[in-house]
Each structure stands twice: as structure tokens, then as C-alpha cells.
Amino acid sequence: MNTRFVAGAGALLIGAWAAGRAFRSARYTLRDKVVLISGGSRGLGLVLARHICEQHGKVVLIARDREELARAKADLAVRGGKVLTVECDLLDRAQIHAAVRTAIDRLGKIDILINNAGIIEVGPLHHMNREDFHRAMQLHFWAPYELVSQVVPEMRLWGGGRIVNISSIGGKIGVPHLAPYGASKFALTGFSDAIRAELARDNIHVTTVAPGLMRTGSHVNAQFKGKHDAEFAWFSASAGAPLISMDANRAARKILAACRRGQPSLTLTFAARGAIVGNALFPNLTGYLMKIMNRFLPDTAGENGSQSRVGSELPRRTPNWMTRLADRATKKNNEGATSSVNR
């Protein structure tokens, strides 16, 4: 077969695929769409809500903290957004079901579900216990499962919808000192990828998002164990590093664009994409590199190391210039010194 013909046919196929994606994205707008965002009161959830409101969508924010929800609603109201806030402990199945029912009763439907809520607990495995893993699984896997199980039957009645599951690079590659977080995000990634093909027949498109580090400001609400201040130091410095972390607004734009296209998967940050590809091609090398990385992380601590402490309560051991971008995001994105669960 003529190689030029093959190359030309390949180029046409790629062009048709790209044009199809662009057409679907342009056709599916956020105007008047009802978008339910778990953990939408701050961080990435709030940034997503801002962009949706700017595109004339309607947002339902569910989170546990009443004051955070009030501040988020005020933030969005001045931008002209139509907002419904619902207090909901995402660790409680009954409250999740009630929140979905409230959203549908008040706004008539849910066009898009964004499973965004999460908690990050950082520290050596030695200090993690069963409850840490259980809480992470409840929030990162079982809460999305419950929301999907409640929303999907309604979406079928309305002729389709979109589901966006915010997983993590930690749901693709195991990272030391993040064992509960990683295990639960792996579960969410598997669940999200597994339901995609089955729901497509109902015109429900599922997008799995695997962000790397993002400058959302959530480092102050992360939980830390072990040598608390040392763990906070490396984590906060990484969260604000410009070369390996992404601005939250840029991340939100990419996530919503992928949602509109019905894109199956989205990985954010060049570093995250490189790590995933590297792990797929050279899993043993990645494993050895993680072992080396762990040697540079803080060691275990005494009995006090098993107590969990919030980042905002810990002393700063890193220069201000190293965390400046992350700290700006904290102020901008409603990441005050409150509970770290259900962000």
C-alpha cells in the first residue's frame, strides 16, 4: 500500500476527529445548565463554579460548612451567578440523597455532576490507621458512587448528561506519604473509567480528570501526620511551585472544556502527563524512583506523630517566596482555616 496514501488517510482521520471534538464542544454550552459540584464551597470547586456562572450556567454547591457556603454564594452572586447551596456531610449517605433531591426539586434537573470533594492527608504510613483509609474511601469513592447512583436515573429521564470525576495523579501513580489519598483516588479512577462505556449508551458522558499539583490554596486545609511541620513544608512548597503546579483558573477552563466535549480522560500539568507515561512504559524504574524520593521525605515521629493536624495550624518552615502563589490562591478561593473535609 502506498505510504503517502496511508499518511494522507491518517491525517484526514485525525482532522475529522479533531473537528468532531470542536463541534461537540461548541454545540454543548453551559448556558442554563444545572451543575452540581460536591465540595464546591472553596478551592477548585469554587473556581469551577465561577467559570460556570460566567457562562450563564446554574450551580448547586454541596459542602458541610455553612459559613464557607455562604461566602461562596456571595462570591458567585456578585458575578451574576444563579446559585443554590446545600449543607451536606458527604460522609453521610442519607444527606447525599437528600441534597440531590433538594437540587432537583429546586432547579428541576441536574445536567452535570462534578465529583470534586476531597481531603488530603499527608504523612508516613507508620502513622496512618484504618480510620484514615476509611475516611478517604468514604469521601473519594463512596460519596461519588452515591451521587452517581442518584443522578444517573434522573439523567436518563432527561435524555443524557455529563459526569466529571476529579481524581488525581495520585490515582494513577502511588506516591509515598499519601497512602490513604492514593488508594482512594485509585478507586475513584477505576470506578469512573469502568462506568464510562456503559453510561455512554444513555448519552451520559463521563470524564475522568487526573490533575497534578494545582494552585487552589488547599494546602492550608490538608491534614498532616508524622513530623507535622516538616510534612507541611514540603507539601506547601510543592503546591505553589510554578513549574510543576497549575493555576486553578487554567485548570478549571480545561476541565470544563473536556466536560463539554464529553472527553473520556484529562490529565493536567505536563509533569503529571510525563509521570503517567513514564510509569506505563517503565513501571520498575518509576518504582525505584519513588523509593529514592521517599528517602528525602521526613521520617516517622513519636506518638504525637499519629495525631492529625491541619496545615493552617502549623508553623512555616519554608521561605515565603516558595509558597507565595499557593498562599494567594488560599485567600482568593475561600480556603480559610476551617474543616479540611468536603472542600
Protein backbone atom coordinates (compact mmCIF):
# COMPACT_ATOMS: atom_id res chain seq x y z
CA MET A 1 0.00 0.00 0.00
CA ASN A 2 1.29 3.45 -0.90
CA THR A 3 2.79 5.10 2.19
CA ARG A 4 1.65 8.54 1.05
CA PHE A 5 -1.92 7.27 0.80
CA VAL A 6 -1.71 5.81 4.33
CA ALA A 7 -0.25 9.04 5.71
CA GLY A 8 -2.91 11.09 3.96
CA ALA A 9 -5.72 8.88 5.21
CA GLY A 10 -4.31 9.09 8.71
CA ALA A 11 -4.16 12.87 8.55
CA LEU A 12 -7.78 13.01 7.34
CA LEU A 13 -8.91 10.77 10.17
CA ILE A 14 -7.10 12.87 12.74
CA GLY A 15 -8.54 16.04 11.23
CA ALA A 16 -12.06 14.61 11.26
CA TRP A 17 -11.64 13.53 14.87
CA ALA A 18 -10.40 16.98 15.92
CA ALA A 19 -13.20 18.71 14.01
CA GLY A 20 -15.76 16.42 15.64
CA ARG A 21 -14.45 17.28 19.10
CA ALA A 22 -14.57 21.00 18.34
CA PHE A 23 -18.13 20.71 17.01
CA ARG A 24 -19.36 18.82 20.05
CA SER A 25 -17.72 21.37 22.34
CA ALA A 26 -19.30 24.31 20.51
CA ARG A 27 -22.71 22.64 20.42
CA TYR A 28 -22.83 21.76 24.13
CA THR A 29 -22.83 25.03 26.07
CA LEU A 30 -23.14 25.65 29.79
CA ARG A 31 -25.86 28.27 29.38
CA ASP A 32 -28.82 27.36 31.64
CA LYS A 33 -27.23 24.02 32.53
CA VAL A 34 -27.65 22.94 36.16
CA VAL A 35 -24.28 21.82 37.54
CA LEU A 36 -23.98 20.09 40.91
CA ILE A 37 -20.49 20.41 42.42
CA SER A 38 -19.54 18.46 45.52
CA GLY A 39 -17.09 20.38 47.69
CA GLY A 40 -17.98 23.49 45.70
CA SER A 41 -17.62 25.98 48.54
CA ARG A 42 -13.88 26.52 48.07
CA GLY A 43 -10.77 25.59 46.15
CA LEU A 44 -11.13 24.06 42.70
CA GLY A 45 -14.88 23.55 43.20
CA LEU A 46 -15.42 27.27 43.71
CA VAL A 47 -13.20 28.17 40.76
CA LEU A 48 -15.21 25.81 38.54
CA ALA A 49 -18.43 27.40 39.81
CA ARG A 50 -17.14 30.88 38.88
CA HIS A 51 -16.45 29.82 35.31
CA ILE A 52 -19.83 28.11 35.02
CA CYS A 53 -21.62 31.24 36.25
CA GLU A 54 -19.66 33.37 33.80
CA GLN A 55 -21.03 31.10 31.04
CA HIS A 56 -24.58 31.60 32.37
CA GLY A 57 -24.92 28.19 33.98
CA LYS A 58 -26.62 27.44 37.30
CA VAL A 59 -24.63 25.86 40.12
CA VAL A 60 -25.56 23.75 43.11
CA LEU A 61 -22.81 23.73 45.73
CA ILE A 62 -22.87 20.98 48.34
CA ALA A 63 -20.45 21.02 51.25
CA ARG A 64 -20.51 20.68 55.02
CA ASP A 65 -19.50 24.13 56.25
CA ARG A 66 -22.36 26.65 56.37
CA GLU A 67 -20.13 29.73 56.58
CA GLU A 68 -18.00 28.59 53.64
CA LEU A 69 -21.13 28.03 51.58
CA ALA A 70 -22.41 31.50 52.45
CA ARG A 71 -19.12 33.12 51.41
CA ALA A 72 -19.07 31.11 48.18
CA LYS A 73 -22.64 32.12 47.35
CA ALA A 74 -21.84 35.79 47.95
CA ASP A 75 -18.73 35.47 45.75
CA LEU A 76 -20.77 34.00 42.90
CA ALA A 77 -23.76 36.32 43.34
CA VAL A 78 -21.71 39.43 42.54
CA ARG A 79 -20.67 37.68 39.31
CA GLY A 80 -24.31 37.29 38.34
CA GLY A 81 -24.45 33.58 39.01
CA LYS A 82 -27.57 31.64 39.95
CA VAL A 83 -26.53 29.60 42.97
CA LEU A 84 -28.14 27.06 45.26
CA THR A 85 -26.16 25.96 48.33
CA VAL A 86 -26.98 22.79 50.24
CA GLU A 87 -25.38 21.79 53.53
CA CYS A 88 -24.32 18.17 53.23
CA ASP A 89 -21.86 15.94 55.04
CA LEU A 90 -20.55 13.84 52.18
CA LEU A 91 -19.62 11.09 54.63
CA ASP A 92 -23.34 10.56 55.29
CA ARG A 93 -25.25 8.62 52.62
CA ALA A 94 -28.67 9.91 53.70
CA GLN A 95 -27.52 13.53 53.48
CA ILE A 96 -26.19 12.96 49.96
CA HIS A 97 -29.53 11.55 48.82
CA ALA A 98 -31.37 14.49 50.42
CA ALA A 99 -29.02 17.02 48.79
CA VAL A 100 -29.63 15.59 45.32
CA ARG A 101 -33.38 15.61 45.90
CA THR A 102 -33.24 19.24 47.06
CA ALA A 103 -31.30 20.26 43.95
CA ILE A 104 -33.77 18.58 41.61
CA ASP A 105 -36.81 19.89 43.47
CA ARG A 106 -35.48 23.47 43.41
CA LEU A 107 -33.95 23.62 39.91
CA GLY A 108 -35.80 20.86 38.09
CA LYS A 109 -32.85 18.73 36.97
CA ILE A 110 -29.10 18.15 37.11
CA ASP A 111 -27.34 18.36 33.74
CA ILE A 112 -23.78 17.97 35.00
CA LEU A 113 -22.39 16.31 38.12
CA ILE A 114 -18.85 17.23 39.19
CA ASN A 115 -17.45 14.99 41.93
CA ASN A 116 -14.81 17.30 43.32
CA ALA A 117 -14.88 17.00 47.14
CA GLY A 118 -11.82 15.60 48.81
CA ILE A 119 -9.39 15.51 51.68
CA ILE A 120 -5.61 15.22 51.58
CA GLU A 121 -3.81 13.57 54.47
CA VAL A 122 -0.03 13.64 54.31
CA GLY A 123 2.40 11.60 56.36
CA PRO A 124 4.26 8.30 56.73
CA LEU A 125 2.33 5.04 56.51
CA HIS A 126 3.52 4.27 60.05
CA HIS A 127 1.20 6.97 61.40
CA MET A 128 -1.82 6.19 59.22
CA ASN A 129 -4.58 3.99 60.62
CA ARG A 130 -7.65 2.21 59.34
CA GLU A 131 -9.84 5.23 60.03
CA ASP A 132 -7.68 7.40 57.77
CA PHE A 133 -8.14 4.97 54.89
CA HIS A 134 -11.84 4.55 55.66
CA ARG A 135 -12.49 8.32 55.65
CA ALA A 136 -10.59 8.78 52.38
CA MET A 137 -12.55 5.95 50.75
CA GLN A 138 -15.84 7.37 52.04
CA LEU A 139 -15.17 10.79 50.55
CA HIS A 140 -13.31 9.91 47.35
CA PHE A 141 -15.13 6.74 46.34
CA TRP A 142 -18.39 6.14 48.19
CA ALA A 143 -19.60 9.76 48.03
CA PRO A 144 -19.13 9.91 44.21
CA TYR A 145 -20.75 6.47 43.96
CA GLU A 146 -23.81 7.69 45.88
CA LEU A 147 -24.06 10.89 43.85
CA VAL A 148 -23.74 9.00 40.57
CA SER A 149 -26.31 6.41 41.67
CA GLN A 150 -28.80 9.17 42.48
CA VAL A 151 -28.17 11.38 39.46
CA VAL A 152 -27.86 8.82 36.64
CA PRO A 153 -31.51 7.61 36.72
CA GLU A 154 -32.63 11.25 36.50
CA MET A 155 -30.22 11.97 33.62
CA ARG A 156 -31.65 9.00 31.73
CA LEU A 157 -35.12 10.55 32.02
CA TRP A 158 -33.82 13.88 30.69
CA GLY A 159 -32.01 12.30 27.75
CA GLY A 160 -28.41 12.42 28.97
CA GLY A 161 -25.87 14.47 30.87
CA ARG A 162 -22.27 14.84 31.92
CA ILE A 163 -20.33 13.43 34.88
CA VAL A 164 -16.88 14.74 35.77
CA ASN A 165 -14.89 12.84 38.39
CA ILE A 166 -11.93 14.79 39.76
CA SER A 167 -9.40 12.10 40.62
CA SER A 168 -5.66 12.80 40.80
CA ILE A 169 -2.21 11.89 39.55
CA GLY A 170 -2.28 10.04 42.88
CA GLY A 171 -4.99 7.85 41.35
CA LYS A 172 -2.59 6.77 38.60
CA ILE A 173 0.73 6.50 40.43
CA GLY A 174 1.27 5.58 44.08
CA VAL A 175 3.07 8.41 45.89
CA PRO A 176 4.81 7.94 49.28
CA HIS A 177 3.31 9.73 52.31
CA LEU A 178 -0.08 9.87 50.57
CA ALA A 179 -1.24 6.27 51.01
CA PRO A 180 -4.91 6.83 52.05
CA TYR A 181 -5.34 9.56 49.46
CA GLY A 182 -3.77 7.50 46.68
CA ALA A 183 -5.65 4.29 47.47
CA SER A 184 -9.00 6.10 47.42
CA LYS A 185 -8.19 8.04 44.25
CA PHE A 186 -7.21 4.81 42.50
CA ALA A 187 -10.67 3.52 43.43
CA LEU A 188 -12.34 6.64 42.00
CA THR A 189 -10.32 6.40 38.78
CA GLY A 190 -11.27 2.75 38.34
CA PHE A 191 -14.95 3.44 39.03
CA SER A 192 -15.02 6.43 36.69
CA ASP A 193 -13.32 4.59 33.84
CA ALA A 194 -15.50 1.49 34.35
CA ILE A 195 -18.87 3.25 34.10
CA ARG A 196 -17.95 5.39 31.10
CA ALA A 197 -18.74 2.89 28.34
CA GLU A 198 -21.94 1.65 29.99
CA LEU A 199 -23.40 5.12 30.51
CA ALA A 200 -22.48 6.31 27.01
CA ARG A 201 -25.43 4.37 25.57
CA ASP A 202 -27.68 6.66 27.65
CA ASN A 203 -25.94 9.77 26.27
CA ILE A 204 -24.23 10.30 29.63
CA HIS A 205 -20.58 11.20 29.10
CA VAL A 206 -18.10 10.52 31.90
CA THR A 207 -14.81 12.43 32.14
CA THR A 208 -12.05 11.26 34.47
CA VAL A 209 -9.74 14.12 35.46
CA ALA A 210 -6.28 13.38 36.83
CA PRO A 211 -4.75 16.68 37.96
CA GLY A 212 -1.19 17.04 39.07
CA LEU A 213 -0.43 19.79 41.54
CA MET A 214 -2.80 22.76 41.33
CA ARG A 215 -2.57 26.16 42.97
CA THR A 216 -6.00 26.10 44.62
CA GLY A 217 -4.79 27.14 48.07
CA SER A 218 -5.91 23.88 49.66
CA HIS A 219 -2.53 23.19 51.31
CA VAL A 220 -3.69 25.07 54.42
CA ASN A 221 -6.60 22.66 54.81
CA ALA A 222 -4.64 19.46 54.21
CA GLN A 223 -4.12 17.16 57.20
CA PHE A 224 -0.63 16.19 58.32
CA LYS A 225 0.81 13.37 60.42
CA GLY A 226 4.32 12.42 61.48
CA LYS A 227 6.69 15.37 61.72
CA HIS A 228 3.88 17.81 61.08
CA ASP A 229 5.79 20.98 60.26
CA ALA A 230 8.29 19.16 58.03
CA GLU A 231 5.50 17.39 56.13
CA PHE A 232 3.68 20.69 55.68
CA ALA A 233 6.88 22.35 54.45
CA TRP A 234 7.49 20.01 51.51
CA PHE A 235 3.82 19.76 50.59
CA SER A 236 3.12 23.52 50.63
CA ALA A 237 6.29 24.27 48.66
CA SER A 238 5.29 21.73 46.01
CA ALA A 239 1.72 23.06 45.83
CA GLY A 240 2.97 26.54 44.94
CA ALA A 241 5.86 25.69 42.64
CA PRO A 242 5.16 27.38 39.27
CA LEU A 243 6.99 24.82 37.12
CA ILE A 244 5.15 21.75 38.45
CA SER A 245 1.79 23.17 39.57
CA MET A 246 -1.04 24.67 37.51
CA ASP A 247 -3.06 27.82 38.10
CA ALA A 248 -6.56 26.89 39.29
CA ASN A 249 -8.31 29.07 36.70
CA ARG A 250 -6.44 27.44 33.85
CA ALA A 251 -7.24 24.01 35.28
CA ALA A 252 -10.94 24.87 35.58
CA ARG A 253 -11.11 26.04 31.95
CA LYS A 254 -9.56 22.81 30.73
CA ILE A 255 -11.86 20.67 32.89
CA LEU A 256 -15.00 22.41 31.66
CA ALA A 257 -13.84 22.22 28.04
CA ALA A 258 -13.30 18.47 28.45
CA CYS A 259 -16.74 18.19 30.05
CA ARG A 260 -18.41 19.98 27.15
CA ARG A 261 -16.68 17.71 24.62
CA GLY A 262 -17.59 14.59 26.58
CA GLN A 263 -13.86 13.81 26.65
CA PRO A 264 -13.16 10.47 28.37
CA SER A 265 -9.97 11.47 30.18
CA LEU A 266 -8.00 14.59 31.06
CA THR A 267 -4.59 14.80 32.72
CA LEU A 268 -3.49 18.21 33.92
CA THR A 269 0.09 19.51 34.07
CA PHE A 270 2.97 18.44 31.89
CA ALA A 271 4.70 16.86 34.89
CA ALA A 272 1.66 14.66 35.62
CA ARG A 273 1.40 13.52 32.00
CA GLY A 274 5.10 12.71 31.93
CA ALA A 275 4.86 10.74 35.17
CA ILE A 276 1.90 8.70 33.92
CA VAL A 277 3.56 7.89 30.60
CA GLY A 278 6.81 7.07 32.37
CA ASN A 279 5.03 4.75 34.79
CA ALA A 280 3.22 3.00 31.93
CA LEU A 281 6.39 2.47 29.90
CA PHE A 282 8.87 1.93 32.72
CA PRO A 283 6.97 0.80 35.84
CA ASN A 284 10.04 -0.68 37.53
CA LEU A 285 12.05 2.50 37.02
CA THR A 286 9.16 4.53 38.44
CA GLY A 287 9.06 2.22 41.45
CA TYR A 288 12.77 2.72 42.09
CA LEU A 289 12.42 6.50 41.73
CA MET A 290 9.61 6.54 44.30
CA LYS A 291 11.85 4.66 46.71
CA ILE A 292 14.55 7.28 46.22
CA MET A 293 12.01 10.08 46.65
CA ASN A 294 10.83 8.60 49.93
CA ARG A 295 14.36 8.82 51.36
CA PHE A 296 14.16 12.61 51.10
CA LEU A 297 10.79 12.84 52.83
CA PRO A 298 10.51 13.32 56.61
CA ASP A 299 10.98 10.26 58.80
CA THR A 300 8.45 8.95 61.31
CA ALA A 301 7.89 10.77 64.61
CA GLY A 302 6.95 9.79 68.15
CA GLU A 303 3.46 9.18 69.50
CA ASN A 304 2.41 12.75 68.68
CA GLY A 305 3.03 11.94 65.03
CA SER A 306 -0.15 9.88 64.93
CA GLN A 307 -2.22 12.98 65.70
CA SER A 308 -3.59 14.73 62.64
CA ARG A 309 -3.06 18.49 62.36
CA VAL A 310 -4.36 20.99 59.80
CA GLY A 311 -1.86 22.92 57.71
CA SER A 312 -3.18 26.31 58.80
CA GLU A 313 -2.25 25.45 62.40
CA LEU A 314 1.37 24.59 61.63
CA PRO A 315 4.44 26.85 61.71
CA ARG A 316 6.00 27.84 58.39
CA ARG A 317 9.44 26.40 57.70
CA THR A 318 9.67 27.41 54.05
CA PRO A 319 10.55 30.90 52.76
CA ASN A 320 7.52 32.98 51.81
CA TRP A 321 8.62 33.22 48.18
CA MET A 322 8.29 29.44 47.84
CA THR A 323 4.62 29.42 48.86
CA ARG A 324 3.57 32.87 47.63
CA LEU A 325 1.46 31.62 44.71
CA ALA A 326 -0.26 28.95 46.80
CA ASP A 327 -0.95 31.45 49.60
CA ARG A 328 -2.51 33.91 47.15
CA ALA A 329 -4.81 31.13 45.96
CA THR A 330 -5.78 30.41 49.58
CA LYS A 331 -7.12 33.95 50.01
CA LYS A 332 -8.73 34.07 46.59
CA ASN A 333 -10.50 30.70 46.70
CA ASN A 334 -12.17 30.74 50.14
CA GLU A 335 -9.64 28.32 51.63
CA GLY A 336 -9.92 29.68 55.17
CA ALA A 337 -8.86 27.91 58.34
CA THR A 338 -11.83 25.54 58.55
CA SER A 339 -12.52 21.84 58.37
CA SER A 340 -10.47 20.08 55.71
CA VAL A 341 -13.18 17.60 54.86
CA ASN A 342 -15.61 18.23 51.99
CA ARG A 343 -13.58 21.01 50.41
